[in-house]
Structures are given as structure tokens and as C-alpha cells.
Amino acid sequence: MAEEKYLFTSSRLGFRNWIDDDVLPMTDLNQDPEVMKYFPSIQSEQQTRAFIVRMKSQFQEKGYCYFAVDLLVDKNFIGFIGLSVQTFESDFTPCIDIGWRLKRSVWNVGYATEGAERCIQFAFADLKLEDVYAMCPVINLPSENVMKKIGMKKIKTFIHPKIPSESALKKCVLYKISKPV
């Protein structure tokens, strides 16, 4: 990977904007059926490229995105953790949500929690956001556990309008954290 300057770091992770070298490792991640278990489908290289273009554009426009994340120890790309705008039709959108997707080989060592905590700190201290939301299908207990660990509070369950009605992923949980006063 080309040497990148990190926008910010946590103790073990570096957060940065996306680069062209991220397309293939992110495609591999997006095509792992276990990683994509709680998403409607795996993603093609073309879909992954489009996602990265959207993230770069959002970063240029807003100063945040679902950031590419590297391990600081070896500079290896492990996925994304960050913030994005959600605009699908609901009573809580538009909103800024926090999300993560990490390759399976780095699961269960606290990277999602560590990275999400750091992104929440960035959201409140640097971006001056008031609230950050998170959502996932009700059956995605690992992600919901991260939401709880980082201090988010459950707001409600809802039916996601962009997921087909026959899907087990349609019923989702919504969490929120507000800037401390």
C-alpha cells in the first residue's frame, strides 16, 4: 500500500480516505459470505468501486465518510469504520450514522469497538455533530453489541425501506448517541 497520512488514529488503527489500492482488498472483503451475512448480497468489484467513489466524494464534500482503516502495526488494510449520511425515507433521516465492516481475520479483538469509539470522538469534537445514529438488522447481534459497548442507546426497531420485504434483514434496530453536554 502507498504510504498514506492518517486523518486520525486510535491506539491500534489508522483512519484515512480511500485510495485506488483499496479496491481489490475491499472487494475481497465484500465477497466474503460470512462478512456479508447481514447484508442483502455480496458486492461485486464494480459495486465496491462505486462505493469507494461515493466515500471519496462524501469525504471531499463533508469531511467524513466510512473511512478506510489500517492496522498501525503493519499498515495492512482491514476494512472500514466511519460516518456516513443516510437519506432513505424514515422518521429519523436524514441522519449521520456510524458503520463498520472488517475482514473476518480481524474479528473478535475489539477493532470495531475501538474504531467506532474513535469515530464518535471525531464526530463530536472535530465535526461538532450533535447526534450519531447506528442501525443494523435485528439478527446482527455482533454489530448491536458494538453499539452497546460504545455507549449508544436503543431508540427503536424499524422496517428498513431499502431491504426487500421477504428478507430476514428487513427488521432493524436503531441506536443513537448524543454529544455530551
N, C-alpha and C. Protein backbone atom coordinates (compact mmCIF):
# COMPACT_ATOMS: atom_id res chain seq x y z
N MET A 1 0.84 -1.19 0.00
CA MET A 1 0.00 0.00 0.00
C MET A 1 0.87 1.25 0.00
N ALA A 2 0.46 2.23 -0.76
CA ALA A 2 1.19 3.51 -0.78
C ALA A 2 1.07 4.15 0.61
N GLU A 3 2.12 4.80 1.03
CA GLU A 3 2.12 5.45 2.35
C GLU A 3 1.06 6.54 2.37
N GLU A 4 0.19 6.48 3.33
CA GLU A 4 -0.90 7.44 3.47
C GLU A 4 -0.77 8.15 4.81
N LYS A 5 -1.14 9.39 4.83
CA LYS A 5 -1.25 10.09 6.10
C LYS A 5 -2.62 9.79 6.68
N TYR A 6 -2.65 9.49 7.95
CA TYR A 6 -3.93 9.21 8.59
C TYR A 6 -4.59 10.50 9.02
N LEU A 7 -5.91 10.54 8.87
CA LEU A 7 -6.70 11.69 9.31
C LEU A 7 -6.69 11.74 10.84
N PHE A 8 -6.75 10.55 11.44
CA PHE A 8 -6.64 10.39 12.89
C PHE A 8 -6.36 8.92 13.15
N THR A 9 -5.98 8.62 14.38
CA THR A 9 -5.68 7.25 14.76
C THR A 9 -6.33 6.93 16.11
N SER A 10 -6.44 5.65 16.38
CA SER A 10 -6.76 5.17 17.72
C SER A 10 -5.51 4.43 18.17
N SER A 11 -5.55 3.69 19.24
CA SER A 11 -4.32 3.04 19.70
C SER A 11 -3.77 2.04 18.69
N ARG A 12 -4.65 1.35 17.95
CA ARG A 12 -4.18 0.32 17.03
C ARG A 12 -4.57 0.55 15.58
N LEU A 13 -5.36 1.58 15.29
CA LEU A 13 -5.94 1.76 13.96
C LEU A 13 -5.63 3.14 13.38
N GLY A 14 -5.46 3.16 12.05
CA GLY A 14 -5.31 4.41 11.32
C GLY A 14 -6.50 4.61 10.40
N PHE A 15 -7.08 5.81 10.41
CA PHE A 15 -8.26 6.13 9.62
C PHE A 15 -7.87 7.08 8.50
N ARG A 16 -8.27 6.76 7.27
CA ARG A 16 -7.85 7.58 6.14
C ARG A 16 -8.92 7.58 5.05
N ASN A 17 -8.71 8.47 4.09
CA ASN A 17 -9.54 8.48 2.90
C ASN A 17 -9.14 7.27 2.04
N TRP A 18 -9.97 6.94 1.11
CA TRP A 18 -9.77 5.77 0.25
C TRP A 18 -8.76 6.05 -0.84
N ILE A 19 -8.05 5.01 -1.27
CA ILE A 19 -7.11 5.09 -2.40
C ILE A 19 -7.43 3.94 -3.36
N ASP A 20 -6.92 4.05 -4.59
CA ASP A 20 -7.20 3.03 -5.60
C ASP A 20 -6.74 1.64 -5.17
N ASP A 21 -5.66 1.56 -4.39
CA ASP A 21 -5.15 0.27 -3.93
C ASP A 21 -6.13 -0.44 -2.99
N ASP A 22 -7.15 0.24 -2.51
CA ASP A 22 -8.12 -0.37 -1.61
C ASP A 22 -9.18 -1.19 -2.34
N VAL A 23 -9.33 -1.00 -3.65
CA VAL A 23 -10.43 -1.64 -4.38
C VAL A 23 -10.39 -3.16 -4.25
N LEU A 24 -9.24 -3.78 -4.53
CA LEU A 24 -9.20 -5.24 -4.50
C LEU A 24 -9.36 -5.82 -3.10
N PRO A 25 -8.65 -5.30 -2.07
CA PRO A 25 -8.90 -5.87 -0.74
C PRO A 25 -10.32 -5.63 -0.24
N MET A 26 -10.93 -4.49 -0.60
CA MET A 26 -12.30 -4.24 -0.18
C MET A 26 -13.26 -5.15 -0.94
N THR A 27 -12.96 -5.41 -2.21
CA THR A 27 -13.78 -6.35 -2.98
C THR A 27 -13.72 -7.74 -2.36
N ASP A 28 -12.52 -8.17 -1.97
CA ASP A 28 -12.40 -9.48 -1.29
C ASP A 28 -13.27 -9.52 -0.04
N LEU A 29 -13.20 -8.47 0.74
CA LEU A 29 -14.00 -8.37 1.96
C LEU A 29 -15.49 -8.43 1.63
N ASN A 30 -15.91 -7.67 0.60
CA ASN A 30 -17.32 -7.60 0.20
C ASN A 30 -17.83 -8.88 -0.43
N GLN A 31 -16.91 -9.79 -0.80
CA GLN A 31 -17.32 -11.05 -1.40
C GLN A 31 -17.22 -12.23 -0.44
N ASP A 32 -16.85 -11.94 0.82
CA ASP A 32 -16.80 -12.99 1.83
C ASP A 32 -18.22 -13.20 2.37
N PRO A 33 -18.82 -14.37 2.13
CA PRO A 33 -20.20 -14.60 2.55
C PRO A 33 -20.40 -14.44 4.06
N GLU A 34 -19.39 -14.74 4.86
CA GLU A 34 -19.53 -14.61 6.32
C GLU A 34 -19.53 -13.13 6.71
N VAL A 35 -18.68 -12.31 6.10
CA VAL A 35 -18.66 -10.87 6.36
C VAL A 35 -19.99 -10.24 5.95
N MET A 36 -20.54 -10.71 4.83
CA MET A 36 -21.75 -10.11 4.25
C MET A 36 -23.04 -10.78 4.71
N LYS A 37 -22.93 -11.61 5.73
CA LYS A 37 -24.06 -12.39 6.24
C LYS A 37 -25.28 -11.52 6.57
N TYR A 38 -25.07 -10.31 7.06
CA TYR A 38 -26.18 -9.44 7.48
C TYR A 38 -26.47 -8.34 6.46
N PHE A 39 -26.08 -8.57 5.22
CA PHE A 39 -26.35 -7.64 4.12
C PHE A 39 -27.14 -8.39 3.06
N PRO A 40 -27.91 -7.67 2.24
CA PRO A 40 -28.74 -8.35 1.25
C PRO A 40 -27.96 -9.22 0.25
N SER A 41 -26.72 -8.85 -0.05
CA SER A 41 -25.94 -9.65 -1.02
C SER A 41 -24.47 -9.30 -0.89
N ILE A 42 -23.63 -10.20 -1.48
CA ILE A 42 -22.22 -9.84 -1.59
C ILE A 42 -22.11 -8.75 -2.65
N GLN A 43 -20.97 -8.07 -2.70
CA GLN A 43 -20.79 -6.94 -3.62
C GLN A 43 -19.71 -7.27 -4.66
N SER A 44 -19.98 -6.92 -5.89
CA SER A 44 -19.01 -7.14 -6.98
C SER A 44 -17.89 -6.11 -6.91
N GLU A 45 -16.86 -6.31 -7.70
CA GLU A 45 -15.79 -5.31 -7.79
C GLU A 45 -16.35 -3.98 -8.27
N GLN A 46 -17.26 -4.02 -9.25
CA GLN A 46 -17.86 -2.78 -9.76
C GLN A 46 -18.65 -2.07 -8.67
N GLN A 47 -19.41 -2.80 -7.87
CA GLN A 47 -20.16 -2.19 -6.77
C GLN A 47 -19.21 -1.63 -5.71
N THR A 48 -18.12 -2.34 -5.46
CA THR A 48 -17.13 -1.88 -4.49
C THR A 48 -16.47 -0.60 -4.98
N ARG A 49 -16.11 -0.56 -6.26
CA ARG A 49 -15.53 0.68 -6.83
C ARG A 49 -16.49 1.84 -6.68
N ALA A 50 -17.78 1.61 -6.96
CA ALA A 50 -18.79 2.67 -6.85
C ALA A 50 -18.90 3.15 -5.39
N PHE A 51 -18.85 2.21 -4.44
CA PHE A 51 -18.88 2.56 -3.02
C PHE A 51 -17.69 3.46 -2.66
N ILE A 52 -16.50 3.07 -3.12
CA ILE A 52 -15.29 3.85 -2.80
C ILE A 52 -15.37 5.24 -3.42
N VAL A 53 -15.88 5.35 -4.64
CA VAL A 53 -16.07 6.66 -5.28
C VAL A 53 -17.03 7.51 -4.45
N ARG A 54 -18.13 6.90 -3.98
CA ARG A 54 -19.10 7.64 -3.13
C ARG A 54 -18.44 8.11 -1.84
N MET A 55 -17.63 7.25 -1.24
CA MET A 55 -16.98 7.62 0.02
C MET A 55 -15.98 8.76 -0.20
N LYS A 56 -15.18 8.67 -1.26
CA LYS A 56 -14.22 9.76 -1.56
C LYS A 56 -14.96 11.07 -1.78
N SER A 57 -16.06 11.01 -2.52
CA SER A 57 -16.85 12.20 -2.81
C SER A 57 -17.45 12.77 -1.52
N GLN A 58 -18.00 11.90 -0.69
CA GLN A 58 -18.58 12.36 0.57
C GLN A 58 -17.50 12.98 1.45
N PHE A 59 -16.31 12.38 1.46
CA PHE A 59 -15.23 12.94 2.27
C PHE A 59 -14.87 14.34 1.77
N GLN A 60 -14.77 14.50 0.45
CA GLN A 60 -14.44 15.82 -0.11
C GLN A 60 -15.50 16.85 0.26
N GLU A 61 -16.76 16.43 0.22
CA GLU A 61 -17.87 17.34 0.47
C GLU A 61 -18.09 17.64 1.95
N LYS A 62 -17.94 16.62 2.81
CA LYS A 62 -18.36 16.76 4.20
C LYS A 62 -17.24 16.61 5.23
N GLY A 63 -16.10 16.06 4.82
CA GLY A 63 -15.00 15.88 5.78
C GLY A 63 -15.07 14.58 6.55
N TYR A 64 -15.97 13.69 6.15
CA TYR A 64 -16.07 12.37 6.77
C TYR A 64 -16.67 11.39 5.77
N CYS A 65 -16.50 10.11 6.08
CA CYS A 65 -17.06 9.02 5.28
C CYS A 65 -16.89 7.75 6.09
N TYR A 66 -17.26 6.62 5.51
CA TYR A 66 -16.84 5.35 6.10
C TYR A 66 -15.36 5.26 5.74
N PHE A 67 -14.49 5.57 6.70
CA PHE A 67 -13.05 5.66 6.45
C PHE A 67 -12.42 4.30 6.19
N ALA A 68 -11.45 4.27 5.28
CA ALA A 68 -10.60 3.10 5.13
C ALA A 68 -9.78 2.99 6.41
N VAL A 69 -9.60 1.77 6.92
CA VAL A 69 -8.91 1.56 8.19
C VAL A 69 -7.76 0.57 7.99
N ASP A 70 -6.61 0.96 8.52
CA ASP A 70 -5.42 0.11 8.51
C ASP A 70 -5.02 -0.20 9.94
N LEU A 71 -4.37 -1.35 10.11
CA LEU A 71 -3.71 -1.64 11.38
C LEU A 71 -2.44 -0.80 11.43
N LEU A 72 -2.20 -0.10 12.51
CA LEU A 72 -1.00 0.73 12.61
C LEU A 72 0.27 -0.11 12.65
N VAL A 73 0.21 -1.29 13.23
CA VAL A 73 1.39 -2.12 13.42
C VAL A 73 2.03 -2.53 12.09
N ASP A 74 1.22 -2.79 11.05
CA ASP A 74 1.78 -3.25 9.78
C ASP A 74 1.23 -2.50 8.56
N LYS A 75 0.37 -1.52 8.79
CA LYS A 75 -0.24 -0.69 7.73
C LYS A 75 -1.16 -1.50 6.81
N ASN A 76 -1.58 -2.69 7.24
CA ASN A 76 -2.48 -3.50 6.42
C ASN A 76 -3.91 -3.01 6.52
N PHE A 77 -4.58 -2.93 5.38
CA PHE A 77 -5.98 -2.54 5.27
C PHE A 77 -6.85 -3.65 5.87
N ILE A 78 -7.80 -3.26 6.74
CA ILE A 78 -8.68 -4.27 7.35
C ILE A 78 -10.16 -4.03 7.08
N GLY A 79 -10.54 -2.92 6.42
CA GLY A 79 -11.95 -2.65 6.14
C GLY A 79 -12.27 -1.19 6.37
N PHE A 80 -13.51 -0.94 6.81
CA PHE A 80 -13.89 0.45 7.07
C PHE A 80 -14.60 0.58 8.40
N ILE A 81 -14.43 1.78 8.97
CA ILE A 81 -15.18 2.22 10.15
C ILE A 81 -15.35 3.72 9.95
N GLY A 82 -16.55 4.21 10.11
CA GLY A 82 -16.69 5.65 9.94
C GLY A 82 -18.13 6.11 9.95
N LEU A 83 -18.30 7.28 9.38
CA LEU A 83 -19.57 8.00 9.41
C LEU A 83 -20.07 8.24 8.00
N SER A 84 -21.39 8.14 7.82
CA SER A 84 -21.97 8.42 6.52
C SER A 84 -23.36 9.02 6.68
N VAL A 85 -23.82 9.65 5.64
CA VAL A 85 -25.15 10.26 5.63
C VAL A 85 -26.15 9.20 5.16
N GLN A 86 -27.23 9.05 5.89
CA GLN A 86 -28.32 8.16 5.48
C GLN A 86 -29.52 9.02 5.12
N THR A 87 -30.06 8.79 3.93
CA THR A 87 -31.16 9.63 3.46
C THR A 87 -32.39 8.82 3.04
N PHE A 88 -32.38 7.49 3.27
CA PHE A 88 -33.57 6.72 2.91
C PHE A 88 -34.76 7.27 3.70
N GLU A 89 -35.96 7.00 3.21
CA GLU A 89 -37.14 7.61 3.81
C GLU A 89 -37.49 6.96 5.15
N SER A 90 -37.47 7.77 6.20
CA SER A 90 -37.87 7.33 7.54
C SER A 90 -38.10 8.56 8.40
N ASP A 91 -38.56 8.33 9.63
CA ASP A 91 -38.80 9.46 10.53
C ASP A 91 -37.55 9.94 11.24
N PHE A 92 -36.40 9.32 10.99
CA PHE A 92 -35.14 9.76 11.63
C PHE A 92 -34.08 10.19 10.62
N THR A 93 -34.40 10.18 9.34
CA THR A 93 -33.45 10.61 8.31
C THR A 93 -33.88 11.96 7.75
N PRO A 94 -32.95 12.71 7.22
CA PRO A 94 -31.53 12.38 7.08
C PRO A 94 -30.82 12.37 8.43
N CYS A 95 -29.80 11.51 8.53
CA CYS A 95 -29.02 11.44 9.75
C CYS A 95 -27.60 10.99 9.40
N ILE A 96 -26.72 11.18 10.36
CA ILE A 96 -25.34 10.69 10.23
C ILE A 96 -25.29 9.37 10.99
N ASP A 97 -24.85 8.32 10.30
CA ASP A 97 -24.74 7.06 11.01
C ASP A 97 -23.30 6.60 11.04
N ILE A 98 -23.02 5.74 12.02
CA ILE A 98 -21.71 5.14 12.14
C ILE A 98 -21.84 3.69 11.69
N GLY A 99 -20.84 3.24 10.96
CA GLY A 99 -20.88 1.87 10.48
C GLY A 99 -19.48 1.28 10.38
N TRP A 100 -19.40 -0.03 10.23
CA TRP A 100 -18.12 -0.73 10.15
C TRP A 100 -18.31 -2.01 9.36
N ARG A 101 -17.26 -2.40 8.70
CA ARG A 101 -17.18 -3.70 8.02
C ARG A 101 -15.71 -4.08 7.99
N LEU A 102 -15.38 -5.15 8.69
CA LEU A 102 -13.98 -5.56 8.82
C LEU A 102 -13.80 -6.98 8.31
N LYS A 103 -12.61 -7.24 7.79
CA LYS A 103 -12.36 -8.60 7.30
C LYS A 103 -12.36 -9.58 8.46
N ARG A 104 -12.78 -10.78 8.16
CA ARG A 104 -13.01 -11.80 9.18
C ARG A 104 -11.77 -12.11 10.01
N SER A 105 -10.60 -12.04 9.42
CA SER A 105 -9.36 -12.38 10.14
C SER A 105 -9.06 -11.44 11.30
N VAL A 106 -9.75 -10.30 11.39
CA VAL A 106 -9.51 -9.36 12.49
C VAL A 106 -10.72 -9.22 13.42
N TRP A 107 -11.66 -10.15 13.31
CA TRP A 107 -12.83 -10.12 14.20
C TRP A 107 -12.45 -10.55 15.61
N ASN A 108 -13.25 -10.10 16.56
CA ASN A 108 -13.19 -10.56 17.96
C ASN A 108 -11.93 -10.15 18.70
N VAL A 109 -11.32 -9.03 18.29
CA VAL A 109 -10.18 -8.48 19.04
C VAL A 109 -10.42 -7.01 19.40
N GLY A 110 -11.66 -6.54 19.21
CA GLY A 110 -12.02 -5.20 19.66
C GLY A 110 -11.79 -4.07 18.68
N TYR A 111 -11.43 -4.38 17.43
CA TYR A 111 -11.17 -3.28 16.48
C TYR A 111 -12.43 -2.48 16.15
N ALA A 112 -13.56 -3.16 15.96
CA ALA A 112 -14.79 -2.42 15.63
C ALA A 112 -15.16 -1.47 16.77
N THR A 113 -15.08 -1.96 18.00
CA THR A 113 -15.40 -1.11 19.16
C THR A 113 -14.41 0.04 19.29
N GLU A 114 -13.12 -0.27 19.22
CA GLU A 114 -12.09 0.77 19.33
C GLU A 114 -12.25 1.83 18.24
N GLY A 115 -12.46 1.37 17.01
CA GLY A 115 -12.60 2.30 15.88
C GLY A 115 -13.87 3.12 15.96
N ALA A 116 -14.97 2.48 16.37
CA ALA A 116 -16.23 3.21 16.49
C ALA A 116 -16.15 4.26 17.59
N GLU A 117 -15.52 3.92 18.72
CA GLU A 117 -15.34 4.92 19.79
C GLU A 117 -14.54 6.11 19.28
N ARG A 118 -13.50 5.85 18.51
CA ARG A 118 -12.66 6.95 18.00
C ARG A 118 -13.44 7.79 16.99
N CYS A 119 -14.27 7.15 16.17
CA CYS A 119 -15.08 7.91 15.20
C CYS A 119 -16.15 8.74 15.89
N ILE A 120 -16.71 8.24 16.98
CA ILE A 120 -17.67 9.03 17.76
C ILE A 120 -16.97 10.27 18.34
N GLN A 121 -15.78 10.06 18.86
CA GLN A 121 -14.99 11.19 19.39
C GLN A 121 -14.74 12.22 18.28
N PHE A 122 -14.34 11.76 17.09
CA PHE A 122 -14.13 12.63 15.93
C PHE A 122 -15.42 13.37 15.57
N ALA A 123 -16.54 12.65 15.59
CA ALA A 123 -17.84 13.25 15.23
C ALA A 123 -18.19 14.41 16.15
N PHE A 124 -17.98 14.24 17.44
CA PHE A 124 -18.37 15.27 18.40
C PHE A 124 -17.32 16.37 18.53
N ALA A 125 -16.06 16.02 18.62
CA ALA A 125 -15.00 17.02 18.86
C ALA A 125 -14.62 17.78 17.59
N ASP A 126 -14.46 17.08 16.49
CA ASP A 126 -13.97 17.72 15.27
C ASP A 126 -15.09 18.19 14.34
N LEU A 127 -16.09 17.34 14.15
CA LEU A 127 -17.19 17.69 13.23
C LEU A 127 -18.29 18.49 13.92
N LYS A 128 -18.26 18.53 15.26
CA LYS A 128 -19.26 19.25 16.05
C LYS A 128 -20.69 18.74 15.81
N LEU A 129 -20.81 17.44 15.55
CA LEU A 129 -22.14 16.85 15.39
C LEU A 129 -22.82 16.75 16.75
N GLU A 130 -24.14 16.79 16.75
CA GLU A 130 -24.91 16.67 17.99
C GLU A 130 -25.29 15.22 18.28
N ASP A 131 -25.59 14.46 17.21
CA ASP A 131 -26.06 13.08 17.36
C ASP A 131 -25.44 12.21 16.29
N VAL A 132 -25.22 10.96 16.63
CA VAL A 132 -24.80 9.95 15.67
C VAL A 132 -25.70 8.73 15.88
N TYR A 133 -26.16 8.17 14.78
CA TYR A 133 -27.04 7.01 14.80
C TYR A 133 -26.28 5.78 14.32
N ALA A 134 -26.84 4.62 14.61
CA ALA A 134 -26.33 3.35 14.07
C ALA A 134 -27.54 2.45 13.87
N MET A 135 -27.44 1.60 12.86
CA MET A 135 -28.54 0.69 12.60
C MET A 135 -27.99 -0.61 12.04
N CYS A 136 -28.73 -1.68 12.29
CA CYS A 136 -28.39 -2.98 11.72
C CYS A 136 -29.62 -3.88 11.82
N PRO A 137 -29.63 -4.95 11.03
CA PRO A 137 -30.74 -5.90 11.17
C PRO A 137 -30.79 -6.45 12.59
N VAL A 138 -31.99 -6.72 13.08
CA VAL A 138 -32.19 -7.25 14.43
C VAL A 138 -31.35 -8.51 14.66
N ILE A 139 -31.15 -9.30 13.62
CA ILE A 139 -30.40 -10.56 13.77
C ILE A 139 -28.89 -10.35 13.81
N ASN A 140 -28.41 -9.13 13.57
CA ASN A 140 -26.97 -8.85 13.58
C ASN A 140 -26.53 -8.48 15.00
N LEU A 141 -26.50 -9.48 15.86
CA LEU A 141 -26.15 -9.25 17.26
C LEU A 141 -24.72 -8.75 17.45
N PRO A 142 -23.73 -9.21 16.66
CA PRO A 142 -22.38 -8.67 16.84
C PRO A 142 -22.32 -7.14 16.66
N SER A 143 -22.98 -6.61 15.64
CA SER A 143 -22.97 -5.15 15.46
C SER A 143 -23.75 -4.44 16.55
N GLU A 144 -24.87 -5.02 16.94
CA GLU A 144 -25.65 -4.40 18.02
C GLU A 144 -24.83 -4.36 19.31
N ASN A 145 -24.05 -5.40 19.57
CA ASN A 145 -23.20 -5.41 20.76
C ASN A 145 -22.16 -4.29 20.72
N VAL A 146 -21.60 -4.01 19.54
CA VAL A 146 -20.66 -2.89 19.41
C VAL A 146 -21.37 -1.59 19.75
N MET A 147 -22.59 -1.41 19.24
CA MET A 147 -23.36 -0.19 19.52
C MET A 147 -23.52 0.00 21.03
N LYS A 148 -23.83 -1.08 21.73
CA LYS A 148 -23.99 -1.00 23.19
C LYS A 148 -22.66 -0.67 23.87
N LYS A 149 -21.58 -1.32 23.43
CA LYS A 149 -20.27 -1.12 24.05
C LYS A 149 -19.78 0.32 23.93
N ILE A 150 -20.15 1.01 22.83
CA ILE A 150 -19.67 2.38 22.64
C ILE A 150 -20.62 3.41 23.26
N GLY A 151 -21.60 2.95 24.01
CA GLY A 151 -22.47 3.86 24.76
C GLY A 151 -23.70 4.33 24.03
N MET A 152 -24.02 3.71 22.90
CA MET A 152 -25.23 4.10 22.19
C MET A 152 -26.45 3.51 22.90
N LYS A 153 -27.58 4.18 22.74
CA LYS A 153 -28.84 3.74 23.36
C LYS A 153 -29.82 3.35 22.26
N LYS A 154 -30.52 2.24 22.49
CA LYS A 154 -31.51 1.78 21.52
C LYS A 154 -32.70 2.72 21.51
N ILE A 155 -33.07 3.14 20.31
CA ILE A 155 -34.22 4.03 20.12
C ILE A 155 -35.46 3.22 19.79
N LYS A 156 -35.30 2.29 18.83
CA LYS A 156 -36.47 1.52 18.38
C LYS A 156 -36.05 0.45 17.39
N THR A 157 -37.02 -0.36 17.01
CA THR A 157 -36.86 -1.23 15.85
C THR A 157 -37.68 -0.59 14.73
N PHE A 158 -37.26 -0.85 13.49
CA PHE A 158 -37.97 -0.29 12.35
C PHE A 158 -37.83 -1.23 11.16
N ILE A 159 -38.68 -1.04 10.19
CA ILE A 159 -38.63 -1.81 8.95
C ILE A 159 -37.85 -0.97 7.94
N HIS A 160 -36.70 -1.52 7.49
CA HIS A 160 -35.83 -0.76 6.57
C HIS A 160 -36.46 -0.72 5.19
N PRO A 161 -36.72 0.50 4.67
CA PRO A 161 -37.43 0.62 3.39
C PRO A 161 -36.62 0.16 2.17
N LYS A 162 -35.31 0.01 2.30
CA LYS A 162 -34.50 -0.37 1.15
C LYS A 162 -34.21 -1.88 1.08
N ILE A 163 -34.71 -2.62 2.05
CA ILE A 163 -34.48 -4.07 2.08
C ILE A 163 -35.79 -4.76 1.69
N PRO A 164 -35.73 -5.73 0.78
CA PRO A 164 -36.95 -6.43 0.33
C PRO A 164 -37.77 -6.99 1.50
N SER A 165 -39.09 -6.90 1.38
CA SER A 165 -39.97 -7.28 2.49
C SER A 165 -39.87 -8.74 2.89
N GLU A 166 -39.45 -9.61 1.98
CA GLU A 166 -39.32 -11.03 2.32
C GLU A 166 -38.01 -11.35 3.04
N SER A 167 -37.12 -10.39 3.14
CA SER A 167 -35.80 -10.62 3.73
C SER A 167 -35.84 -10.65 5.25
N ALA A 168 -35.07 -11.55 5.84
CA ALA A 168 -34.91 -11.61 7.29
C ALA A 168 -34.14 -10.40 7.82
N LEU A 169 -33.57 -9.60 6.91
CA LEU A 169 -32.78 -8.43 7.30
C LEU A 169 -33.62 -7.16 7.39
N LYS A 170 -34.88 -7.22 7.01
CA LYS A 170 -35.72 -6.03 6.91
C LYS A 170 -35.98 -5.35 8.26
N LYS A 171 -36.17 -6.16 9.32
CA LYS A 171 -36.42 -5.59 10.64
C LYS A 171 -35.08 -5.20 11.25
N CYS A 172 -34.93 -3.91 11.56
CA CYS A 172 -33.65 -3.36 12.02
C CYS A 172 -33.81 -2.68 13.37
N VAL A 173 -32.67 -2.52 14.05
CA VAL A 173 -32.63 -1.74 15.29
C VAL A 173 -31.96 -0.41 14.98
N LEU A 174 -32.39 0.62 15.69
CA LEU A 174 -31.81 1.96 15.56
C LEU A 174 -31.26 2.36 16.92
N TYR A 175 -30.01 2.78 16.93
CA TYR A 175 -29.33 3.27 18.14
C TYR A 175 -28.89 4.70 17.90
N LYS A 176 -28.66 5.42 19.01
CA LYS A 176 -28.26 6.83 18.93
C LYS A 176 -27.35 7.15 20.09
N ILE A 177 -26.40 8.03 19.82
CA ILE A 177 -25.58 8.62 20.89
C ILE A 177 -25.56 10.12 20.65
N SER A 178 -25.67 10.89 21.73
CA SER A 178 -25.67 12.35 21.61
C SER A 178 -24.42 12.91 22.24
N LYS A 179 -24.03 14.07 21.72
CA LYS A 179 -22.85 14.77 22.23
C LYS A 179 -23.06 15.08 23.71
N PRO A 180 -22.04 14.75 24.52
CA PRO A 180 -22.18 15.08 25.96
C PRO A 180 -22.31 16.60 26.16
N VAL A 181 -23.12 16.97 27.13
CA VAL A 181 -23.32 18.42 27.39
C VAL A 181 -22.44 18.89 28.53
